[in-house]
Amino acid sequence: MDRKKATLIGLAAILLWSTMVGLIRSVSEGLGPVGGAAMIYTVSGLLCLATVGFPDIKRFSKGYLIAGSVLFVSYEMCLALSLGFAATRSQAIEVGMVNYLWPSLTIVFAILFNGQKSTLWVIPGLAISLLGVGWVLGGENGLHVHDIMQNIVSSPLSYGLAFAGAFIWAAYCTVTSRYARGQNGITLFVLLTALSLWVKYALSDQPDMVFSVPVVVKLLMCGVALGFGYAAWNIGILHGNVTVLAAVSYFTPVLSAALAAIVLSSPLSFSFWQGALMVCAGSLLCWYATRK
């Protein structure tokens, strides 16, 4: 495949994934946090079957199969449920920004556990990312500890899941980089996520799922964004310019927040955008620290 075309397909994956925060929240409002997430990952899993195909499990090491499955499912559940359980739409977008600590954390984990070479620029990079998240959580006043604490206390489950998810995804990326041996288990992992969410839905008291045309449309859009996103990303990293894809991917927090604000009709404050840009800048600095 032509390298430029493959790179564009990879960039399309970034655009698709950037719609996830707004779409997951929209579906959750109609189908419930757990039921909506279960439906999303069911649709996504079926699309992954059609686009990526089911992996040959025999080629996977047992350790990676178990660790990869647990980490991936845990992260996706944390992400979907943190957005679904957020008290308001604007809070859901803030929760999405907390999730984007994972790029910086992934590089830190790679340095600590995979022997990734790095310069000391990674330290201010991580600090700026954390500062940016704090700036976002502070609301209109920016980095104000009292306002940050009030915000977190108003929805501790949602923020806790998002924060845990950032660490879990960093761990998943680290484990995959070291033990996957080129195997792509994404279809299996997405289907396991759907199964786990349906089990949770069946075993807990959940609100009824209310289907409507807007909810069904956004459900399908979300499924396409996740399912086709993984397929497009695989093409991009296999045949495209990985350096370009990596650099652009670090601007996902700002793009994701912008699209979520449009989908959810939730305007964001100037201080939010300041924090979002700081998260991007910190991630880019971490990435730069690992460049030869």
C-alpha atoms as a PDB file:
ATOM      1  CA  MET A   1       0.000   0.000   0.000  1.00  0.00           C
ATOM      2  CA  ASP A   2       1.129   3.575  -0.747  1.00  0.00           C
ATOM      3  CA  ARG A   3       2.774   5.097   2.348  1.00  0.00           C
ATOM      4  CA  LYS A   4       0.932   8.435   2.122  1.00  0.00           C
ATOM      5  CA  LYS A   5      -2.421   6.698   1.734  1.00  0.00           C
ATOM      6  CA  ALA A   6      -1.687   4.435   4.701  1.00  0.00           C
ATOM      7  CA  THR A   7      -0.695   7.459   6.802  1.00  0.00           C
ATOM      8  CA  LEU A   8      -3.973   9.211   5.929  1.00  0.00           C
ATOM      9  CA  ILE A   9      -5.896   6.087   6.927  1.00  0.00           C
ATOM     10  CA  GLY A  10      -4.016   6.086  10.232  1.00  0.00           C
ATOM     11  CA  LEU A  11      -4.905   9.755  10.760  1.00  0.00           C
ATOM     12  CA  ALA A  12      -8.558   8.857  10.107  1.00  0.00           C
ATOM     13  CA  ALA A  13      -8.323   6.476  13.081  1.00  0.00           C
ATOM     14  CA  ILE A  14      -7.286   9.376  15.333  1.00  0.00           C
ATOM     15  CA  LEU A  15     -10.277  11.386  14.096  1.00  0.00           C
ATOM     16  CA  LEU A  16     -12.637   8.447  14.689  1.00  0.00           C
ATOM     17  CA  TRP A  17     -11.353   7.855  18.225  1.00  0.00           C
ATOM     18  CA  SER A  18     -11.678  11.569  19.000  1.00  0.00           C
ATOM     19  CA  THR A  19     -15.459  11.252  18.667  1.00  0.00           C
ATOM     20  CA  MET A  20     -15.665   8.541  21.338  1.00  0.00           C
ATOM     21  CA  VAL A  21     -16.091  10.732  24.443  1.00  0.00           C
ATOM     22  CA  GLY A  22     -19.124  12.595  23.102  1.00  0.00           C
ATOM     23  CA  LEU A  23     -20.721   9.518  21.524  1.00  0.00           C
ATOM     24  CA  ILE A  24     -20.263   7.214  24.549  1.00  0.00           C
ATOM     25  CA  ARG A  25     -21.830   9.839  26.796  1.00  0.00           C
ATOM     26  CA  SER A  26     -24.751  10.349  24.383  1.00  0.00           C
ATOM     27  CA  VAL A  27     -25.482   6.613  24.169  1.00  0.00           C
ATOM     28  CA  SER A  28     -25.198   6.265  27.964  1.00  0.00           C
ATOM     29  CA  GLU A  29     -27.853   8.931  28.473  1.00  0.00           C
ATOM     30  CA  GLY A  30     -30.343   6.815  26.528  1.00  0.00           C
ATOM     31  CA  LEU A  31     -29.328   3.257  27.383  1.00  0.00           C
ATOM     32  CA  GLY A  32     -27.732   3.715  30.802  1.00  0.00           C
ATOM     33  CA  PRO A  33     -24.015   3.706  31.718  1.00  0.00           C
ATOM     34  CA  VAL A  34     -23.646  -0.088  31.728  1.00  0.00           C
ATOM     35  CA  GLY A  35     -26.272  -1.038  29.127  1.00  0.00           C
ATOM     36  CA  GLY A  36     -25.059   1.654  26.737  1.00  0.00           C
ATOM     37  CA  ALA A  37     -21.438   0.554  27.081  1.00  0.00           C
ATOM     38  CA  ALA A  38     -22.421  -3.102  26.563  1.00  0.00           C
ATOM     39  CA  MET A  39     -24.260  -2.219  23.352  1.00  0.00           C
ATOM     40  CA  ILE A  40     -21.353  -0.085  22.084  1.00  0.00           C
ATOM     41  CA  TYR A  41     -18.755  -2.820  22.553  1.00  0.00           C
ATOM     42  CA  THR A  42     -21.060  -5.463  21.097  1.00  0.00           C
ATOM     43  CA  VAL A  43     -21.437  -3.432  17.892  1.00  0.00           C
ATOM     44  CA  SER A  44     -17.707  -2.619  17.901  1.00  0.00           C
ATOM     45  CA  GLY A  45     -16.769  -6.266  18.415  1.00  0.00           C
ATOM     46  CA  LEU A  46     -18.873  -7.363  15.444  1.00  0.00           C
ATOM     47  CA  LEU A  47     -17.272  -4.665  13.282  1.00  0.00           C
ATOM     48  CA  CYS A  48     -13.806  -5.739  14.416  1.00  0.00           C
ATOM     49  CA  LEU A  49     -14.693  -9.299  13.375  1.00  0.00           C
ATOM     50  CA  ALA A  50     -15.587  -8.000   9.922  1.00  0.00           C
ATOM     51  CA  THR A  51     -12.607  -5.650   9.495  1.00  0.00           C
ATOM     52  CA  VAL A  52      -9.720  -7.064  11.520  1.00  0.00           C
ATOM     53  CA  GLY A  53     -10.868 -10.675  11.880  1.00  0.00           C
ATOM     54  CA  PHE A  54     -10.562 -13.014  14.855  1.00  0.00           C
ATOM     55  CA  PRO A  55      -6.984 -13.689  15.967  1.00  0.00           C
ATOM     56  CA  ASP A  56      -5.319 -17.102  16.062  1.00  0.00           C
ATOM     57  CA  ILE A  57      -5.216 -17.510  19.839  1.00  0.00           C
ATOM     58  CA  LYS A  58      -2.764 -20.411  19.600  1.00  0.00           C
ATOM     59  CA  ARG A  59      -0.048 -17.972  18.519  1.00  0.00           C
ATOM     60  CA  PHE A  60      -0.403 -15.897  21.695  1.00  0.00           C
ATOM     61  CA  SER A  61       1.658 -16.602  24.778  1.00  0.00           C
ATOM     62  CA  LYS A  62      -0.556 -17.541  27.726  1.00  0.00           C
ATOM     63  CA  GLY A  63       0.875 -14.717  29.799  1.00  0.00           C
ATOM     64  CA  TYR A  64       0.042 -12.036  27.238  1.00  0.00           C
ATOM     65  CA  LEU A  65      -3.362 -13.539  26.482  1.00  0.00           C
ATOM     66  CA  ILE A  66      -4.333 -13.277  30.154  1.00  0.00           C
ATOM     67  CA  ALA A  67      -2.607  -9.988  30.983  1.00  0.00           C
ATOM     68  CA  GLY A  68      -3.650  -8.301  27.737  1.00  0.00           C
ATOM     69  CA  SER A  69      -7.265  -9.393  28.118  1.00  0.00           C
ATOM     70  CA  VAL A  70      -7.546  -8.273  31.750  1.00  0.00           C
ATOM     71  CA  LEU A  71      -5.866  -4.905  31.159  1.00  0.00           C
ATOM     72  CA  PHE A  72      -7.760  -4.102  27.949  1.00  0.00           C
ATOM     73  CA  VAL A  73     -11.170  -5.059  29.355  1.00  0.00           C
ATOM     74  CA  SER A  74     -10.482  -3.179  32.594  1.00  0.00           C
ATOM     75  CA  TYR A  75      -9.471  -0.032  30.722  1.00  0.00           C
ATOM     76  CA  GLU A  76     -12.408  -0.014  28.329  1.00  0.00           C
ATOM     77  CA  MET A  77     -14.839  -0.548  31.213  1.00  0.00           C
ATOM     78  CA  CYS A  78     -13.192   2.275  33.171  1.00  0.00           C
ATOM     79  CA  LEU A  79     -13.413   4.617  30.179  1.00  0.00           C
ATOM     80  CA  ALA A  80     -17.019   3.855  29.231  1.00  0.00           C
ATOM     81  CA  LEU A  81     -18.384   3.815  32.783  1.00  0.00           C
ATOM     82  CA  SER A  82     -16.481   6.954  33.847  1.00  0.00           C
ATOM     83  CA  LEU A  83     -18.183   8.849  31.008  1.00  0.00           C
ATOM     84  CA  GLY A  84     -21.573   7.259  31.688  1.00  0.00           C
ATOM     85  CA  PHE A  85     -21.547   7.934  35.441  1.00  0.00           C
ATOM     86  CA  ALA A  86     -20.394  11.580  35.154  1.00  0.00           C
ATOM     87  CA  ALA A  87     -22.917  13.916  36.773  1.00  0.00           C
ATOM     88  CA  THR A  88     -23.154  16.312  33.816  1.00  0.00           C
ATOM     89  CA  ARG A  89     -22.133  16.496  30.171  1.00  0.00           C
ATOM     90  CA  SER A  90     -19.386  19.022  30.846  1.00  0.00           C
ATOM     91  CA  GLN A  91     -18.084  16.781  33.612  1.00  0.00           C
ATOM     92  CA  ALA A  92     -18.011  13.865  31.146  1.00  0.00           C
ATOM     93  CA  ILE A  93     -15.701  15.921  28.895  1.00  0.00           C
ATOM     94  CA  GLU A  94     -13.478  16.694  31.897  1.00  0.00           C
ATOM     95  CA  VAL A  95     -13.382  12.980  32.725  1.00  0.00           C
ATOM     96  CA  GLY A  96     -12.316  12.301  29.149  1.00  0.00           C
ATOM     97  CA  MET A  97      -9.405  14.704  29.635  1.00  0.00           C
ATOM     98  CA  VAL A  98      -8.270  12.842  32.779  1.00  0.00           C
ATOM     99  CA  ASN A  99      -8.157   9.707  30.638  1.00  0.00           C
ATOM    100  CA  TYR A 100      -5.642  11.412  28.332  1.00  0.00           C
ATOM    101  CA  LEU A 101      -2.950  11.203  30.967  1.00  0.00           C
ATOM    102  CA  TRP A 102      -2.210   7.798  29.444  1.00  0.00           C
ATOM    103  CA  PRO A 103       0.217   8.969  26.688  1.00  0.00           C
ATOM    104  CA  SER A 104       2.602  10.505  29.240  1.00  0.00           C
ATOM    105  CA  LEU A 105       2.168   7.581  31.629  1.00  0.00           C
ATOM    106  CA  THR A 106       2.816   5.078  28.820  1.00  0.00           C
ATOM    107  CA  ILE A 107       6.210   6.637  28.146  1.00  0.00           C
ATOM    108  CA  VAL A 108       7.041   6.681  31.861  1.00  0.00           C
ATOM    109  CA  PHE A 109       6.065   2.994  32.123  1.00  0.00           C
ATOM    110  CA  ALA A 110       8.173   2.170  29.037  1.00  0.00           C
ATOM    111  CA  ILE A 111      11.168   3.824  30.690  1.00  0.00           C
ATOM    112  CA  LEU A 112      10.622   2.047  34.017  1.00  0.00           C
ATOM    113  CA  PHE A 113       9.706  -1.429  32.773  1.00  0.00           C
ATOM    114  CA  ASN A 114      10.815  -1.814  29.130  1.00  0.00           C
ATOM    115  CA  GLY A 115      14.207  -0.135  29.261  1.00  0.00           C
ATOM    116  CA  GLN A 116      13.191   2.737  26.962  1.00  0.00           C
ATOM    117  CA  LYS A 117      16.018   5.272  26.673  1.00  0.00           C
ATOM    118  CA  SER A 118      15.029   8.813  27.576  1.00  0.00           C
ATOM    119  CA  THR A 119      16.304  12.236  28.511  1.00  0.00           C
ATOM    120  CA  LEU A 120      15.291  14.178  31.617  1.00  0.00           C
ATOM    121  CA  TRP A 121      12.723  16.103  29.548  1.00  0.00           C
ATOM    122  CA  VAL A 122      10.263  13.348  30.488  1.00  0.00           C
ATOM    123  CA  ILE A 123      10.027  14.763  34.042  1.00  0.00           C
ATOM    124  CA  PRO A 124       8.710  18.250  33.083  1.00  0.00           C
ATOM    125  CA  GLY A 125       6.589  16.547  30.398  1.00  0.00           C
ATOM    126  CA  LEU A 126       4.746  14.424  32.964  1.00  0.00           C
ATOM    127  CA  ALA A 127       4.499  17.385  35.350  1.00  0.00           C
ATOM    128  CA  ILE A 128       2.919  19.593  32.654  1.00  0.00           C
ATOM    129  CA  SER A 129       0.383  16.855  31.773  1.00  0.00           C
ATOM    130  CA  LEU A 130      -0.629  16.480  35.423  1.00  0.00           C
ATOM    131  CA  LEU A 131      -0.799  20.253  35.811  1.00  0.00           C
ATOM    132  CA  GLY A 132      -3.017  20.437  32.716  1.00  0.00           C
ATOM    133  CA  VAL A 133      -5.471  17.899  34.139  1.00  0.00           C
ATOM    134  CA  GLY A 134      -5.554  19.855  37.390  1.00  0.00           C
ATOM    135  CA  TRP A 135      -6.229  23.036  35.395  1.00  0.00           C
ATOM    136  CA  VAL A 136      -9.154  21.325  33.638  1.00  0.00           C
ATOM    137  CA  LEU A 137     -10.639  20.030  36.906  1.00  0.00           C
ATOM    138  CA  GLY A 138     -10.402  23.472  38.499  1.00  0.00           C
ATOM    139  CA  GLY A 139     -13.133  24.789  36.188  1.00  0.00           C
ATOM    140  CA  GLU A 140     -13.347  28.521  35.552  1.00  0.00           C
ATOM    141  CA  ASN A 141     -10.665  29.292  38.150  1.00  0.00           C
ATOM    142  CA  GLY A 142      -8.004  27.046  36.637  1.00  0.00           C
ATOM    143  CA  LEU A 143      -5.543  25.544  39.111  1.00  0.00           C
ATOM    144  CA  HIS A 144      -7.505  26.109  42.336  1.00  0.00           C
ATOM    145  CA  VAL A 145      -7.183  23.239  44.839  1.00  0.00           C
ATOM    146  CA  HIS A 146     -10.528  23.857  46.575  1.00  0.00           C
ATOM    147  CA  ASP A 147     -12.452  23.855  43.279  1.00  0.00           C
ATOM    148  CA  ILE A 148     -10.589  20.750  42.071  1.00  0.00           C
ATOM    149  CA  MET A 149     -11.492  18.840  45.248  1.00  0.00           C
ATOM    150  CA  GLN A 150     -15.129  19.959  45.073  1.00  0.00           C
ATOM    151  CA  ASN A 151     -15.348  18.801  41.481  1.00  0.00           C
ATOM    152  CA  ILE A 152     -13.870  15.382  42.253  1.00  0.00           C
ATOM    153  CA  VAL A 153     -16.053  14.884  45.349  1.00  0.00           C
ATOM    154  CA  SER A 154     -19.175  15.657  43.295  1.00  0.00           C
ATOM    155  CA  SER A 155     -18.531  12.535  41.177  1.00  0.00           C
ATOM    156  CA  PRO A 156     -15.750  10.440  42.775  1.00  0.00           C
ATOM    157  CA  LEU A 157     -16.618   7.193  40.948  1.00  0.00           C
ATOM    158  CA  SER A 158     -16.402   8.839  37.544  1.00  0.00           C
ATOM    159  CA  TYR A 159     -13.086  10.614  38.161  1.00  0.00           C
ATOM    160  CA  GLY A 160     -11.657   7.592  39.988  1.00  0.00           C
ATOM    161  CA  LEU A 161     -12.439   5.286  37.058  1.00  0.00           C
ATOM    162  CA  ALA A 162     -10.919   7.738  34.559  1.00  0.00           C
ATOM    163  CA  PHE A 163      -7.734   8.146  36.593  1.00  0.00           C
ATOM    164  CA  ALA A 164      -7.392   4.374  37.086  1.00  0.00           C
ATOM    165  CA  GLY A 165      -8.056   3.869  33.375  1.00  0.00           C
ATOM    166  CA  ALA A 166      -5.124   6.098  32.401  1.00  0.00           C
ATOM    167  CA  PHE A 167      -2.736   3.920  34.443  1.00  0.00           C
ATOM    168  CA  ILE A 168      -4.308   0.678  33.195  1.00  0.00           C
ATOM    169  CA  TRP A 169      -3.986   1.672  29.517  1.00  0.00           C
ATOM    170  CA  ALA A 170      -0.364   2.703  30.061  1.00  0.00           C
ATOM    171  CA  ALA A 171       0.219  -0.749  31.568  1.00  0.00           C
ATOM    172  CA  TYR A 172      -1.574  -2.411  28.632  1.00  0.00           C
ATOM    173  CA  CYS A 173       0.591  -0.562  26.096  1.00  0.00           C
ATOM    174  CA  THR A 174       3.734  -1.525  28.016  1.00  0.00           C
ATOM    175  CA  VAL A 175       2.745  -5.202  28.243  1.00  0.00           C
ATOM    176  CA  THR A 176       1.687  -5.307  24.576  1.00  0.00           C
ATOM    177  CA  SER A 177       4.922  -3.702  23.409  1.00  0.00           C
ATOM    178  CA  ARG A 178       6.966  -6.263  25.308  1.00  0.00           C
ATOM    179  CA  TYR A 179       5.034  -9.517  25.004  1.00  0.00           C
ATOM    180  CA  ALA A 180       2.555  -9.354  22.077  1.00  0.00           C
ATOM    181  CA  ARG A 181       5.186 -10.439  19.499  1.00  0.00           C
ATOM    182  CA  GLY A 182       3.300  -8.694  16.724  1.00  0.00           C
ATOM    183  CA  GLN A 183       0.006 -10.451  17.461  1.00  0.00           C
ATOM    184  CA  ASN A 184      -3.164  -8.334  17.287  1.00  0.00           C
ATOM    185  CA  GLY A 185      -5.773  -9.459  19.802  1.00  0.00           C
ATOM    186  CA  ILE A 186      -8.045  -6.437  19.476  1.00  0.00           C
ATOM    187  CA  THR A 187     -11.133  -8.336  18.248  1.00  0.00           C
ATOM    188  CA  LEU A 188     -10.922 -10.830  21.099  1.00  0.00           C
ATOM    189  CA  PHE A 189     -10.375  -8.052  23.639  1.00  0.00           C
ATOM    190  CA  VAL A 190     -13.324  -5.957  22.428  1.00  0.00           C
ATOM    191  CA  LEU A 191     -15.649  -8.985  22.471  1.00  0.00           C
ATOM    192  CA  LEU A 192     -14.471  -9.852  26.010  1.00  0.00           C
ATOM    193  CA  THR A 193     -15.226  -6.258  27.040  1.00  0.00           C
ATOM    194  CA  ALA A 194     -18.763  -6.573  25.658  1.00  0.00           C
ATOM    195  CA  LEU A 195     -19.247  -9.910  27.465  1.00  0.00           C
ATOM    196  CA  SER A 196     -17.995  -8.451  30.766  1.00  0.00           C
ATOM    197  CA  LEU A 197     -20.358  -5.483  30.490  1.00  0.00           C
ATOM    198  CA  TRP A 198     -23.344  -7.733  29.725  1.00  0.00           C
ATOM    199  CA  VAL A 199     -22.512  -9.825  32.803  1.00  0.00           C
ATOM    200  CA  LYS A 200     -22.391  -6.653  34.906  1.00  0.00           C
ATOM    201  CA  TYR A 201     -25.674  -5.502  33.367  1.00  0.00           C
ATOM    202  CA  ALA A 202     -27.355  -8.831  34.186  1.00  0.00           C
ATOM    203  CA  LEU A 203     -26.052  -9.006  37.763  1.00  0.00           C
ATOM    204  CA  SER A 204     -26.734  -5.415  38.849  1.00  0.00           C
ATOM    205  CA  ASP A 205     -29.758  -3.154  39.080  1.00  0.00           C
ATOM    206  CA  GLN A 206     -29.671  -1.071  35.903  1.00  0.00           C
ATOM    207  CA  PRO A 207     -32.149   1.369  34.339  1.00  0.00           C
ATOM    208  CA  ASP A 208     -34.148   0.218  31.329  1.00  0.00           C
ATOM    209  CA  MET A 209     -32.604   0.878  27.947  1.00  0.00           C
ATOM    210  CA  VAL A 210     -34.715   3.454  26.080  1.00  0.00           C
ATOM    211  CA  PHE A 211     -34.048   3.251  22.351  1.00  0.00           C
ATOM    212  CA  SER A 212     -34.727   6.236  20.120  1.00  0.00           C
ATOM    213  CA  VAL A 213     -33.586   7.210  16.644  1.00  0.00           C
ATOM    214  CA  PRO A 214     -30.889   9.655  17.878  1.00  0.00           C
ATOM    215  CA  VAL A 215     -29.550   7.096  20.387  1.00  0.00           C
ATOM    216  CA  VAL A 216     -29.453   4.283  17.811  1.00  0.00           C
ATOM    217  CA  VAL A 217     -27.677   6.537  15.282  1.00  0.00           C
ATOM    218  CA  LYS A 218     -25.052   7.539  17.846  1.00  0.00           C
ATOM    219  CA  LEU A 219     -24.696   3.904  18.955  1.00  0.00           C
ATOM    220  CA  LEU A 220     -23.887   2.888  15.386  1.00  0.00           C
ATOM    221  CA  MET A 221     -21.542   5.870  14.968  1.00  0.00           C
ATOM    222  CA  CYS A 222     -19.739   4.929  18.192  1.00  0.00           C
ATOM    223  CA  GLY A 223     -19.437   1.297  17.114  1.00  0.00           C
ATOM    224  CA  VAL A 224     -18.007   2.383  13.760  1.00  0.00           C
ATOM    225  CA  ALA A 225     -15.598   4.825  15.421  1.00  0.00           C
ATOM    226  CA  LEU A 226     -14.200   2.103  17.668  1.00  0.00           C
ATOM    227  CA  GLY A 227     -14.313  -0.848  15.261  1.00  0.00           C
ATOM    228  CA  PHE A 228     -13.091   0.935  12.121  1.00  0.00           C
ATOM    229  CA  GLY A 229     -10.695   3.050  14.202  1.00  0.00           C
ATOM    230  CA  TYR A 230      -8.678   0.009  15.245  1.00  0.00           C
ATOM    231  CA  ALA A 231      -8.683  -1.353  11.684  1.00  0.00           C
ATOM    232  CA  ALA A 232      -7.505   1.992  10.258  1.00  0.00           C
ATOM    233  CA  TRP A 233      -4.829   2.386  12.934  1.00  0.00           C
ATOM    234  CA  ASN A 234      -3.404  -1.049  12.137  1.00  0.00           C
ATOM    235  CA  ILE A 235      -3.028  -0.061   8.471  1.00  0.00           C
ATOM    236  CA  GLY A 236      -1.415   3.228   9.468  1.00  0.00           C
ATOM    237  CA  ILE A 237       1.218   1.768  11.799  1.00  0.00           C
ATOM    238  CA  LEU A 238       2.006  -1.143   9.459  1.00  0.00           C
ATOM    239  CA  HIS A 239       2.333   0.776   6.189  1.00  0.00           C
ATOM    240  CA  GLY A 240       2.314   4.507   6.997  1.00  0.00           C
ATOM    241  CA  ASN A 241       4.608   7.107   8.566  1.00  0.00           C
ATOM    242  CA  VAL A 242       4.644   6.105  12.233  1.00  0.00           C
ATOM    243  CA  THR A 243       6.476   9.271  13.311  1.00  0.00           C
ATOM    244  CA  VAL A 244       3.725  11.489  11.863  1.00  0.00           C
ATOM    245  CA  LEU A 245       0.995   9.325  13.382  1.00  0.00           C
ATOM    246  CA  ALA A 246       2.635   9.382  16.814  1.00  0.00           C
ATOM    247  CA  ALA A 247       3.087  13.169  16.781  1.00  0.00           C
ATOM    248  CA  VAL A 248      -0.488  13.886  15.638  1.00  0.00           C
ATOM    249  CA  SER A 249      -1.969  11.417  18.128  1.00  0.00           C
ATOM    250  CA  TYR A 250      -0.734  13.592  20.995  1.00  0.00           C
ATOM    251  CA  PHE A 251      -3.164  16.330  19.926  1.00  0.00           C
ATOM    252  CA  THR A 252      -6.110  13.941  20.390  1.00  0.00           C
ATOM    253  CA  PRO A 253      -7.159  15.465  23.776  1.00  0.00           C
ATOM    254  CA  VAL A 254      -7.925  18.853  22.196  1.00  0.00           C
ATOM    255  CA  LEU A 255      -9.664  17.323  19.160  1.00  0.00           C
ATOM    256  CA  SER A 256     -11.647  14.946  21.385  1.00  0.00           C
ATOM    257  CA  ALA A 257     -12.792  17.767  23.669  1.00  0.00           C
ATOM    258  CA  ALA A 258     -13.802  19.943  20.703  1.00  0.00           C
ATOM    259  CA  LEU A 259     -15.872  17.161  19.091  1.00  0.00           C
ATOM    260  CA  ALA A 260     -17.415  16.193  22.452  1.00  0.00           C
ATOM    261  CA  ALA A 261     -18.426  19.818  23.058  1.00  0.00           C
ATOM    262  CA  ILE A 262     -20.191  19.817  19.662  1.00  0.00           C
ATOM    263  CA  VAL A 263     -21.873  16.402  20.072  1.00  0.00           C
ATOM    264  CA  LEU A 264     -23.032  17.166  23.629  1.00  0.00           C
ATOM    265  CA  SER A 265     -23.825  20.870  23.006  1.00  0.00           C
ATOM    266  CA  SER A 266     -21.691  21.686  26.038  1.00  0.00           C
ATOM    267  CA  PRO A 267     -19.548  24.844  25.737  1.00  0.00           C
ATOM    268  CA  LEU A 268     -16.180  24.699  27.491  1.00  0.00           C
ATOM    269  CA  SER A 269     -14.407  27.446  29.416  1.00  0.00           C
ATOM    270  CA  PHE A 270     -11.182  29.144  28.377  1.00  0.00           C
ATOM    271  CA  SER A 271      -9.400  27.564  31.359  1.00  0.00           C
ATOM    272  CA  PHE A 272     -10.474  24.117  30.102  1.00  0.00           C
ATOM    273  CA  TRP A 273      -8.764  24.734  26.763  1.00  0.00           C
ATOM    274  CA  GLN A 274      -5.666  25.985  28.570  1.00  0.00           C
ATOM    275  CA  GLY A 275      -5.532  22.731  30.548  1.00  0.00           C
ATOM    276  CA  ALA A 276      -6.177  20.620  27.443  1.00  0.00           C
ATOM    277  CA  LEU A 277      -3.296  22.278  25.600  1.00  0.00           C
ATOM    278  CA  MET A 278      -1.054  21.673  28.611  1.00  0.00           C
ATOM    279  CA  VAL A 279      -1.942  17.955  28.540  1.00  0.00           C
ATOM    280  CA  CYS A 280      -0.991  17.849  24.844  1.00  0.00           C
ATOM    281  CA  ALA A 281       2.230  19.793  25.438  1.00  0.00           C
ATOM    282  CA  GLY A 282       3.236  17.507  28.301  1.00  0.00           C
ATOM    283  CA  SER A 283       2.588  14.394  26.213  1.00  0.00           C
ATOM    284  CA  LEU A 284       4.621  15.788  23.314  1.00  0.00           C
ATOM    285  CA  LEU A 285       7.493  16.626  25.657  1.00  0.00           C
ATOM    286  CA  CYS A 286       7.468  13.062  27.015  1.00  0.00           C
ATOM    287  CA  TRP A 287       7.509  11.761  23.451  1.00  0.00           C
ATOM    288  CA  TYR A 288      10.354  14.113  22.531  1.00  0.00           C
ATOM    289  CA  ALA A 289      12.342  12.852  25.539  1.00  0.00           C
ATOM    290  CA  THR A 290      12.428   9.358  24.008  1.00  0.00           C
ATOM    291  CA  ARG A 291      13.483  10.490  20.521  1.00  0.00           C
ATOM    292  CA  LYS A 292      17.010   9.582  19.490  1.00  0.00           C
END
